[in-house]
PDB file of N, CA and C in Angstrom:
ATOM      1  N   TRP A   1       0.476  -1.115  -0.218  1.00  0.00           N
ATOM      2  CA  TRP A   1      -0.135   0.094   0.163  1.00  0.00           C
ATOM      3  C   TRP A   1       0.880   1.579  -0.355  1.00  0.00           C
ATOM      4  N   TRP A   2       0.328   2.260  -0.674  1.00  0.00           N
ATOM      5  CA  TRP A   2       1.130   3.100  -1.059  1.00  0.00           C
ATOM      6  C   TRP A   2       1.102   4.609   0.500  1.00  0.00           C
ATOM      7  N   TRP A   3       0.115   4.105   1.677  1.00  0.00           N
ATOM      8  CA  TRP A   3       0.368   5.369   2.398  1.00  0.00           C
ATOM      9  C   TRP A   3       1.612   4.385   3.528  1.00  0.00           C
ATOM     10  N   SER A   4       1.913   2.981   3.711  1.00  0.00           N
ATOM     11  CA  SER A   4       3.328   2.440   4.339  1.00  0.00           C
ATOM     12  C   SER A   4       4.459   2.732   4.727  1.00  0.00           C
ATOM     13  N   SER A   5       4.981   3.391   3.357  1.00  0.00           N
ATOM     14  CA  SER A   5       5.827   4.447   3.473  1.00  0.00           C
ATOM     15  C   SER A   5       5.555   5.340   3.967  1.00  0.00           C
ATOM     16  N   SER A   6       4.403   5.948   4.362  1.00  0.00           N
ATOM     17  CA  SER A   6       4.569   7.480   4.586  1.00  0.00           C
ATOM     18  C   SER A   6       5.203   7.275   5.712  1.00  0.00           C
ATOM     19  N   SER A   7       5.333   8.448   6.434  1.00  0.00           N
ATOM     20  CA  SER A   7       5.801   8.615   7.940  1.00  0.00           C
ATOM     21  C   SER A   7       4.418   8.116   8.715  1.00  0.00           C
ATOM     22  N   SER A   8       5.457   7.553  10.024  1.00  0.00           N
ATOM     23  CA  SER A   8       3.885   6.774  11.027  1.00  0.00           C
ATOM     24  C   SER A   8       3.474   7.848  11.530  1.00  0.00           C
ATOM     25  N   GLU A   9       3.780   8.983  11.854  1.00  0.00           N
ATOM     26  CA  GLU A   9       2.635   8.824  12.290  1.00  0.00           C
ATOM     27  C   GLU A   9       1.507  10.053  11.733  1.00  0.00           C
ATOM     28  N   MET A  10       1.420   9.988  10.327  1.00  0.00           N
ATOM     29  CA  MET A  10       0.809  10.178   9.510  1.00  0.00           C
ATOM     30  C   MET A  10      -0.579   9.471   9.620  1.00  0.00           C
ATOM     31  N   GLN A  11       0.315   7.670   9.529  1.00  0.00           N
ATOM     32  CA  GLN A  11      -0.407   6.547   8.969  1.00  0.00           C
ATOM     33  C   GLN A  11      -1.942   6.613   9.447  1.00  0.00           C
ATOM     34  N   PRO A  12      -2.366   6.307  10.587  1.00  0.00           N
ATOM     35  CA  PRO A  12      -2.854   6.928  11.202  1.00  0.00           C
ATOM     36  C   PRO A  12      -4.426   7.984  10.930  1.00  0.00           C
ATOM     37  N   HIS A  13      -3.934   8.811  10.325  1.00  0.00           N
ATOM     38  CA  HIS A  13      -5.110   9.935  10.038  1.00  0.00           C
ATOM     39  C   HIS A  13      -5.491   9.430   8.269  1.00  0.00           C
ATOM     40  N   PHE A  14      -4.733   8.386   7.902  1.00  0.00           N
ATOM     41  CA  PHE A  14      -5.029   7.373   6.545  1.00  0.00           C
ATOM     42  C   PHE A  14      -6.301   6.633   6.494  1.00  0.00           C
ATOM     43  N   TYR A  15      -6.058   6.161   7.575  1.00  0.00           N
ATOM     44  CA  TYR A  15      -6.809   4.945   7.763  1.00  0.00           C
ATOM     45  C   TYR A  15      -7.825   4.535   8.295  1.00  0.00           C
ATOM     46  N   LYS A  16      -8.068   6.383   8.736  1.00  0.00           N
ATOM     47  CA  LYS A  16      -9.424   6.290   9.712  1.00  0.00           C
ATOM     48  C   LYS A  16      -9.998   7.712   8.515  1.00  0.00           C
ATOM     49  N   ASN A  17     -10.078   8.224   7.140  1.00  0.00           N
ATOM     50  CA  ASN A  17     -10.299   8.772   6.481  1.00  0.00           C
ATOM     51  C   ASN A  17     -10.236   8.492   5.126  1.00  0.00           C
ATOM     52  N   ILE A  18     -10.521   7.549   4.978  1.00  0.00           N
ATOM     53  CA  ILE A  18     -11.014   6.483   3.701  1.00  0.00           C
ATOM     54  C   ILE A  18     -12.025   6.959   2.827  1.00  0.00           C
ATOM     55  N   VAL A  19     -12.504   7.581   2.042  1.00  0.00           N
ATOM     56  CA  VAL A  19     -14.166   8.088   1.335  1.00  0.00           C
ATOM     57  C   VAL A  19     -13.632   7.517  -0.209  1.00  0.00           C
ATOM     58  N   VAL A  20     -14.301   6.198  -0.043  1.00  0.00           N
ATOM     59  CA  VAL A  20     -14.862   5.833  -1.602  1.00  0.00           C
ATOM     60  C   VAL A  20     -15.662   6.532  -2.294  1.00  0.00           C
ATOM     61  N   THR A  21     -14.483   6.619  -4.338  1.00  0.00           N
ATOM     62  CA  THR A  21     -16.339   7.670  -4.611  1.00  0.00           C
ATOM     63  C   THR A  21     -15.738   6.794  -6.136  1.00  0.00           C
ATOM     64  N   GLY A  22     -16.926   7.764  -6.982  1.00  0.00           N
ATOM     65  CA  GLY A  22     -16.893   7.001  -8.253  1.00  0.00           C
ATOM     66  C   GLY A  22     -18.340   6.093  -8.680  1.00  0.00           C
ATOM     67  N   GLY A  23     -18.205   5.316  -9.595  1.00  0.00           N
ATOM     68  CA  GLY A  23     -19.874   4.721 -10.069  1.00  0.00           C
ATOM     69  C   GLY A  23     -19.507   3.205  -9.462  1.00  0.00           C
ATOM     70  N   ASN A  24     -18.302   2.567  -9.580  1.00  0.00           N
ATOM     71  CA  ASN A  24     -17.945   1.634  -8.965  1.00  0.00           C
ATOM     72  C   ASN A  24     -17.761   1.648  -7.045  1.00  0.00           C
ATOM     73  N   CYS A  25     -18.583   1.912  -6.787  1.00  0.00           N
ATOM     74  CA  CYS A  25     -18.733   2.009  -5.249  1.00  0.00           C
ATOM     75  C   CYS A  25     -19.937   1.976  -5.077  1.00  0.00           C
ATOM     76  N   LEU A  26     -20.893   1.604  -5.710  1.00  0.00           N
ATOM     77  CA  LEU A  26     -22.409   1.433  -5.646  1.00  0.00           C
ATOM     78  C   LEU A  26     -22.629   0.096  -6.111  1.00  0.00           C
ATOM     79  N   PHE A  27     -21.441  -0.547  -6.204  1.00  0.00           N
ATOM     80  CA  PHE A  27     -21.347  -2.024  -6.018  1.00  0.00           C
ATOM     81  C   PHE A  27     -22.261  -2.426  -4.667  1.00  0.00           C
ATOM     82  N   PRO A  28     -22.831  -3.511  -5.038  1.00  0.00           N
ATOM     83  CA  PRO A  28     -23.912  -3.737  -2.987  1.00  0.00           C
ATOM     84  C   PRO A  28     -22.652  -4.457  -2.399  1.00  0.00           C
ATOM     85  N   GLY A  29     -22.137  -3.954  -1.815  1.00  0.00           N
ATOM     86  CA  GLY A  29     -21.424  -4.956  -0.456  1.00  0.00           C
ATOM     87  C   GLY A  29     -19.768  -3.994  -0.371  1.00  0.00           C
ATOM     88  N   PHE A  30     -19.120  -2.876  -2.039  1.00  0.00           N
ATOM     89  CA  PHE A  30     -18.261  -2.283  -1.829  1.00  0.00           C
ATOM     90  C   PHE A  30     -17.610  -2.125  -1.130  1.00  0.00           C
ATOM     91  N   ARG A  31     -18.535  -1.072   0.162  1.00  0.00           N
ATOM     92  CA  ARG A  31     -18.089  -0.317   1.121  1.00  0.00           C
ATOM     93  C   ARG A  31     -17.597  -1.318   2.390  1.00  0.00           C
ATOM     94  N   GLU A  32     -18.514  -2.118   2.630  1.00  0.00           N
ATOM     95  CA  GLU A  32     -18.030  -2.890   3.194  1.00  0.00           C
ATOM     96  C   GLU A  32     -16.331  -4.060   2.863  1.00  0.00           C
ATOM     97  N   ARG A  33     -16.577  -4.735   1.952  1.00  0.00           N
ATOM     98  CA  ARG A  33     -15.156  -4.828   1.432  1.00  0.00           C
ATOM     99  C   ARG A  33     -13.787  -4.305   1.631  1.00  0.00           C
ATOM    100  N   VAL A  34     -14.721  -3.291   1.392  1.00  0.00           N
ATOM    101  CA  VAL A  34     -12.701  -2.656   1.480  1.00  0.00           C
ATOM    102  C   VAL A  34     -12.314  -1.687   3.295  1.00  0.00           C
ATOM    103  N   HIS A  35     -13.817  -1.642   3.746  1.00  0.00           N
ATOM    104  CA  HIS A  35     -13.616  -1.560   4.962  1.00  0.00           C
ATOM    105  C   HIS A  35     -12.620  -3.305   5.492  1.00  0.00           C
ATOM    106  N   ARG A  36     -13.459  -4.355   5.166  1.00  0.00           N
ATOM    107  CA  ARG A  36     -12.713  -5.526   5.676  1.00  0.00           C
ATOM    108  C   ARG A  36     -11.584  -5.638   5.346  1.00  0.00           C
ATOM    109  N   ASP A  37     -11.542  -5.101   3.783  1.00  0.00           N
ATOM    110  CA  ASP A  37      -9.990  -5.882   3.044  1.00  0.00           C
ATOM    111  C   ASP A  37      -8.898  -4.515   4.260  1.00  0.00           C
ATOM    112  N   VAL A  38      -9.333  -3.578   4.144  1.00  0.00           N
ATOM    113  CA  VAL A  38      -8.376  -2.807   4.914  1.00  0.00           C
ATOM    114  C   VAL A  38      -8.113  -3.193   6.334  1.00  0.00           C
ATOM    115  N   ARG A  39      -9.139  -3.237   7.070  1.00  0.00           N
ATOM    116  CA  ARG A  39      -9.247  -3.727   8.239  1.00  0.00           C
ATOM    117  C   ARG A  39      -8.077  -4.631   8.725  1.00  0.00           C
ATOM    118  N   ALA A  40      -7.430  -5.721   7.211  1.00  0.00           N
ATOM    119  CA  ALA A  40      -6.846  -6.857   7.745  1.00  0.00           C
ATOM    120  C   ALA A  40      -5.568  -6.263   7.558  1.00  0.00           C
ATOM    121  N   LEU A  41      -5.754  -5.274   7.185  1.00  0.00           N
ATOM    122  CA  LEU A  41      -4.038  -4.879   6.679  1.00  0.00           C
ATOM    123  C   LEU A  41      -3.536  -3.932   7.531  1.00  0.00           C
ATOM    124  N   ALA A  42      -4.486  -2.902   8.123  1.00  0.00           N
ATOM    125  CA  ALA A  42      -3.908  -2.105   8.889  1.00  0.00           C
ATOM    126  C   ALA A  42      -3.476  -2.618  10.105  1.00  0.00           C
ATOM    127  N   PRO A  43      -2.862  -1.737  11.060  1.00  0.00           N
ATOM    128  CA  PRO A  43      -1.884  -2.249  12.166  1.00  0.00           C
ATOM    129  C   PRO A  43      -3.635  -2.329  13.379  1.00  0.00           C
ATOM    130  N   THR A  44      -3.331  -3.102  13.777  1.00  0.00           N
ATOM    131  CA  THR A  44      -4.885  -3.871  14.807  1.00  0.00           C
ATOM    132  C   THR A  44      -4.579  -2.458  16.118  1.00  0.00           C
ATOM    133  N   GLU A  45      -3.778  -1.582  16.160  1.00  0.00           N
ATOM    134  CA  GLU A  45      -4.432  -0.110  16.306  1.00  0.00           C
ATOM    135  C   GLU A  45      -5.256   1.150  16.242  1.00  0.00           C
ATOM    136  N   PHE A  46      -4.826   1.125  14.800  1.00  0.00           N
ATOM    137  CA  PHE A  46      -5.133   2.119  14.599  1.00  0.00           C
ATOM    138  C   PHE A  46      -7.202   1.551  13.736  1.00  0.00           C
ATOM    139  N   PRO A  47      -7.828   3.558  13.603  1.00  0.00           N
ATOM    140  CA  PRO A  47      -9.275   2.216  13.001  1.00  0.00           C
ATOM    141  C   PRO A  47      -9.063   3.301  12.205  1.00  0.00           C
ATOM    142  N   VAL A  48     -10.367   1.704  11.527  1.00  0.00           N
ATOM    143  CA  VAL A  48     -10.710   2.339  10.256  1.00  0.00           C
ATOM    144  C   VAL A  48     -12.479   2.350   9.959  1.00  0.00           C
ATOM    145  N   SER A  49     -11.808   3.690   8.798  1.00  0.00           N
ATOM    146  CA  SER A  49     -13.290   4.320   8.830  1.00  0.00           C
ATOM    147  C   SER A  49     -13.216   4.789   6.977  1.00  0.00           C
ATOM    148  N   VAL A  50     -14.249   3.601   6.608  1.00  0.00           N
ATOM    149  CA  VAL A  50     -14.159   3.900   4.880  1.00  0.00           C
ATOM    150  C   VAL A  50     -15.642   4.376   4.498  1.00  0.00           C
ATOM    151  N   LEU A  51     -15.931   5.454   4.433  1.00  0.00           N
ATOM    152  CA  LEU A  51     -17.194   6.258   3.806  1.00  0.00           C
ATOM    153  C   LEU A  51     -17.183   6.634   2.784  1.00  0.00           C
ATOM    154  N   LEU A  52     -18.619   5.655   1.977  1.00  0.00           N
ATOM    155  CA  LEU A  52     -19.761   5.898   1.345  1.00  0.00           C
ATOM    156  C   LEU A  52     -20.206   7.356   0.821  1.00  0.00           C
ATOM    157  N   PRO A  53     -19.871   8.579   0.898  1.00  0.00           N
ATOM    158  CA  PRO A  53     -20.685   9.838   0.540  1.00  0.00           C
ATOM    159  C   PRO A  53     -23.104   9.204   0.026  1.00  0.00           C
ATOM    160  N   PRO A  54     -23.336  10.405  -0.126  1.00  0.00           N
ATOM    161  CA  PRO A  54     -24.551  10.090  -0.538  1.00  0.00           C
ATOM    162  C   PRO A  54     -24.314   9.722  -2.127  1.00  0.00           C
ATOM    163  N   ASN A  55     -23.491  10.560  -2.442  1.00  0.00           N
ATOM    164  CA  ASN A  55     -23.460  11.212  -3.980  1.00  0.00           C
ATOM    165  C   ASN A  55     -21.988  10.635  -4.747  1.00  0.00           C
ATOM    166  N   PRO A  56     -21.518   9.314  -4.067  1.00  0.00           N
ATOM    167  CA  PRO A  56     -20.197   8.856  -4.543  1.00  0.00           C
ATOM    168  C   PRO A  56     -20.173   9.545  -6.064  1.00  0.00           C
ATOM    169  N   VAL A  57     -20.628   9.336  -7.216  1.00  0.00           N
ATOM    170  CA  VAL A  57     -20.388   9.430  -8.929  1.00  0.00           C
ATOM    171  C   VAL A  57     -19.259  10.899  -8.681  1.00  0.00           C
ATOM    172  N   SER A  58     -20.833  12.222  -7.810  1.00  0.00           N
ATOM    173  CA  SER A  58     -19.335  12.476  -8.756  1.00  0.00           C
ATOM    174  C   SER A  58     -19.097  13.232  -7.221  1.00  0.00           C
ATOM    175  N   TYR A  59     -19.369  12.802  -6.157  1.00  0.00           N
ATOM    176  CA  TYR A  59     -18.680  13.396  -4.757  1.00  0.00           C
ATOM    177  C   TYR A  59     -17.253  14.070  -4.940  1.00  0.00           C
ATOM    178  N   ALA A  60     -16.431  13.370  -5.491  1.00  0.00           N
ATOM    179  CA  ALA A  60     -14.581  14.053  -5.855  1.00  0.00           C
ATOM    180  C   ALA A  60     -14.784  15.268  -6.593  1.00  0.00           C
ATOM    181  N   TRP A  61     -15.771  15.445  -7.371  1.00  0.00           N
ATOM    182  CA  TRP A  61     -15.426  16.686  -8.519  1.00  0.00           C
ATOM    183  C   TRP A  61     -15.893  18.207  -7.211  1.00  0.00           C
ATOM    184  N   GLU A  62     -17.355  17.287  -7.522  1.00  0.00           N
ATOM    185  CA  GLU A  62     -18.084  18.428  -5.868  1.00  0.00           C
ATOM    186  C   GLU A  62     -16.672  19.270  -4.351  1.00  0.00           C
ATOM    187  N   GLY A  63     -16.461  18.548  -4.271  1.00  0.00           N
ATOM    188  CA  GLY A  63     -15.438  18.645  -3.359  1.00  0.00           C
ATOM    189  C   GLY A  63     -14.370  19.567  -4.245  1.00  0.00           C
ATOM    190  N   GLY A  64     -13.719  18.927  -5.395  1.00  0.00           N
ATOM    191  CA  GLY A  64     -12.241  20.071  -5.694  1.00  0.00           C
ATOM    192  C   GLY A  64     -13.056  21.593  -6.157  1.00  0.00           C
ATOM    193  N   LYS A  65     -14.105  20.823  -6.792  1.00  0.00           N
ATOM    194  CA  LYS A  65     -15.026  22.483  -6.813  1.00  0.00           C
ATOM    195  C   LYS A  65     -15.123  24.061  -5.805  1.00  0.00           C
ATOM    196  N   LEU A  66     -15.969  23.240  -4.711  1.00  0.00           N
ATOM    197  CA  LEU A  66     -15.935  23.791  -3.752  1.00  0.00           C
ATOM    198  C   LEU A  66     -14.654  24.138  -3.103  1.00  0.00           C
ATOM    199  N   LEU A  67     -13.604  24.421  -3.389  1.00  0.00           N
ATOM    200  CA  LEU A  67     -12.093  24.092  -3.055  1.00  0.00           C
ATOM    201  C   LEU A  67     -11.477  25.045  -3.918  1.00  0.00           C
ATOM    202  N   ALA A  68     -11.156  24.914  -4.563  1.00  0.00           N
ATOM    203  CA  ALA A  68     -10.615  25.678  -6.007  1.00  0.00           C
ATOM    204  C   ALA A  68     -11.993  27.366  -5.830  1.00  0.00           C
ATOM    205  N   ASP A  69     -13.173  26.992  -5.125  1.00  0.00           N
ATOM    206  CA  ASP A  69     -14.203  27.986  -5.489  1.00  0.00           C
ATOM    207  C   ASP A  69     -13.698  28.898  -3.738  1.00  0.00           C
ATOM    208  N   ASN A  70     -12.672  28.641  -3.273  1.00  0.00           N
ATOM    209  CA  ASN A  70     -12.777  29.442  -1.827  1.00  0.00           C
ATOM    210  C   ASN A  70     -12.018  30.023  -1.937  1.00  0.00           C
ATOM    211  N   PRO A  71     -12.033  31.387  -1.796  1.00  0.00           N
ATOM    212  CA  PRO A  71     -11.101  32.690  -1.308  1.00  0.00           C
ATOM    213  C   PRO A  71     -10.075  32.578  -0.512  1.00  0.00           C
ATOM    214  N   ASP A  72     -10.230  31.377   0.409  1.00  0.00           N
ATOM    215  CA  ASP A  72      -8.700  31.287   1.729  1.00  0.00           C
ATOM    216  C   ASP A  72      -7.876  30.452   0.658  1.00  0.00           C
ATOM    217  N   TYR A  73      -8.350  30.002  -0.800  1.00  0.00           N
ATOM    218  CA  TYR A  73      -7.215  28.540  -1.118  1.00  0.00           C
ATOM    219  C   TYR A  73      -6.227  28.077  -1.055  1.00  0.00           C
ATOM    220  N   ASP A  74      -5.437  29.269  -1.990  1.00  0.00           N
ATOM    221  CA  ASP A  74      -4.033  29.388  -1.439  1.00  0.00           C
ATOM    222  C   ASP A  74      -3.519  29.249   0.327  1.00  0.00           C
ATOM    223  N   GLU A  75      -4.139  29.468   1.186  1.00  0.00           N
ATOM    224  CA  GLU A  75      -3.679  29.103   2.226  1.00  0.00           C
ATOM    225  C   GLU A  75      -4.032  27.628   2.543  1.00  0.00           C
ATOM    226  N   MET A  76      -5.372  27.439   1.954  1.00  0.00           N
ATOM    227  CA  MET A  76      -5.031  25.735   2.648  1.00  0.00           C
ATOM    228  C   MET A  76      -4.576  24.541   1.808  1.00  0.00           C
ATOM    229  N   VAL A  77      -4.173  24.528   0.890  1.00  0.00           N
ATOM    230  CA  VAL A  77      -3.147  24.202   0.511  1.00  0.00           C
ATOM    231  C   VAL A  77      -1.412  24.026   0.050  1.00  0.00           C
ATOM    232  N   VAL A  78      -1.142  22.680   0.470  1.00  0.00           N
ATOM    233  CA  VAL A  78       0.317  22.620   0.280  1.00  0.00           C
ATOM    234  C   VAL A  78       0.712  22.410  -1.339  1.00  0.00           C
ATOM    235  N   THR A  79       1.893  22.857  -1.376  1.00  0.00           N
ATOM    236  CA  THR A  79       2.249  22.987  -3.210  1.00  0.00           C
ATOM    237  C   THR A  79       3.460  21.644  -2.533  1.00  0.00           C
ATOM    238  N   ARG A  80       4.179  20.892  -4.082  1.00  0.00           N
ATOM    239  CA  ARG A  80       4.676  19.882  -4.400  1.00  0.00           C
ATOM    240  C   ARG A  80       5.845  20.460  -3.530  1.00  0.00           C
ATOM    241  N   GLU A  81       6.281  21.641  -3.800  1.00  0.00           N
ATOM    242  CA  GLU A  81       7.807  22.074  -3.859  1.00  0.00           C
ATOM    243  C   GLU A  81       7.426  22.732  -1.635  1.00  0.00           C
ATOM    244  N   ASP A  82       6.438  23.357  -1.668  1.00  0.00           N
ATOM    245  CA  ASP A  82       6.103  23.304   0.387  1.00  0.00           C
ATOM    246  C   ASP A  82       6.207  21.404   0.637  1.00  0.00           C
ATOM    247  N   TYR A  83       6.402  20.675   0.549  1.00  0.00           N
ATOM    248  CA  TYR A  83       6.277  19.488   0.622  1.00  0.00           C
ATOM    249  C   TYR A  83       7.866  18.410   0.319  1.00  0.00           C
ATOM    250  N   GLU A  84       8.268  19.180  -0.844  1.00  0.00           N
ATOM    251  CA  GLU A  84       9.722  18.324  -0.710  1.00  0.00           C
ATOM    252  C   GLU A  84      10.674  18.990   0.019  1.00  0.00           C
ATOM    253  N   GLU A  85      10.261  20.732  -0.302  1.00  0.00           N
ATOM    254  CA  GLU A  85      11.135  21.834   0.627  1.00  0.00           C
ATOM    255  C   GLU A  85      11.293  20.732   2.401  1.00  0.00           C
ATOM    256  N   ASN A  86       9.904  21.111   3.045  1.00  0.00           N
ATOM    257  CA  ASN A  86       9.648  20.508   4.354  1.00  0.00           C
ATOM    258  C   ASN A  86       8.982  19.225   5.273  1.00  0.00           C
ATOM    259  N   GLY A  87       8.977  18.220   3.648  1.00  0.00           N
ATOM    260  CA  GLY A  87       8.914  17.158   4.135  1.00  0.00           C
ATOM    261  C   GLY A  87       6.965  17.420   5.192  1.00  0.00           C
ATOM    262  N   HIS A  88       6.813  15.640   5.914  1.00  0.00           N
ATOM    263  CA  HIS A  88       5.682  16.043   6.307  1.00  0.00           C
ATOM    264  C   HIS A  88       4.987  16.874   7.103  1.00  0.00           C
ATOM    265  N   PHE A  89       5.879  17.576   7.621  1.00  0.00           N
ATOM    266  CA  PHE A  89       5.264  18.644   8.855  1.00  0.00           C
ATOM    267  C   PHE A  89       5.749  19.800   8.362  1.00  0.00           C
ATOM    268  N   ILE A  90       5.138  20.366   6.664  1.00  0.00           N
ATOM    269  CA  ILE A  90       4.234  21.062   6.567  1.00  0.00           C
ATOM    270  C   ILE A  90       2.803  21.332   6.765  1.00  0.00           C
ATOM    271  N   CYS A  91       2.720  19.858   6.278  1.00  0.00           N
ATOM    272  CA  CYS A  91       1.199  19.119   6.384  1.00  0.00           C
ATOM    273  C   CYS A  91       0.138  19.405   7.496  1.00  0.00           C
ATOM    274  N   GLU A  92       1.247  18.675   9.008  1.00  0.00           N
ATOM    275  CA  GLU A  92       1.479  18.903  10.893  1.00  0.00           C
ATOM    276  C   GLU A  92       0.640  19.862  10.063  1.00  0.00           C
ATOM    277  N   ASP A  93       1.967  21.098  10.061  1.00  0.00           N
ATOM    278  CA  ASP A  93       2.208  22.799  10.427  1.00  0.00           C
ATOM    279  C   ASP A  93       0.223  23.053   9.796  1.00  0.00           C
ATOM    280  N   THR A  94      -0.111  23.416   8.520  1.00  0.00           N
ATOM    281  CA  THR A  94      -0.634  23.105   7.794  1.00  0.00           C
ATOM    282  C   THR A  94      -2.166  22.802   8.223  1.00  0.00           C
ATOM    283  N   PHE A  95      -2.799  21.905   8.310  1.00  0.00           N
ATOM    284  CA  PHE A  95      -3.598  20.741   8.454  1.00  0.00           C
ATOM    285  C   PHE A  95      -3.752  20.192  10.174  1.00  0.00           C
ATOM    286  N   ASP A  96      -3.191  21.497  10.813  1.00  0.00           N
ATOM    287  CA  ASP A  96      -3.580  20.981  12.582  1.00  0.00           C
ATOM    288  C   ASP A  96      -3.197  19.704  12.667  1.00  0.00           C
ATOM    289  N   VAL A  97      -2.293  19.079  12.200  1.00  0.00           N
ATOM    290  CA  VAL A  97      -2.879  17.209  12.705  1.00  0.00           C
ATOM    291  C   VAL A  97      -1.635  16.919  13.549  1.00  0.00           C
TER     292      VAL A  97
END
């Protein structure tokens, strides 16, 4: 898994903030299967949460639109350059995690 190579401080946040989107997540039992599969791979001390939004087909697009339209957008994001220069610490500072 890609997040297993991330810093140990950030891993618990990834496991408890999984959102499934797109048309395939409408298959019966999809969210439950993702939860079961991730739970089997995650360390036992980490909580796992998988959210299926009410509008999964357009959820990611709608969220991106809201973010891009926000007047504080520049203060809400971390650029690739910032991350490469500061590592995960810039995310912890910016997102208060």
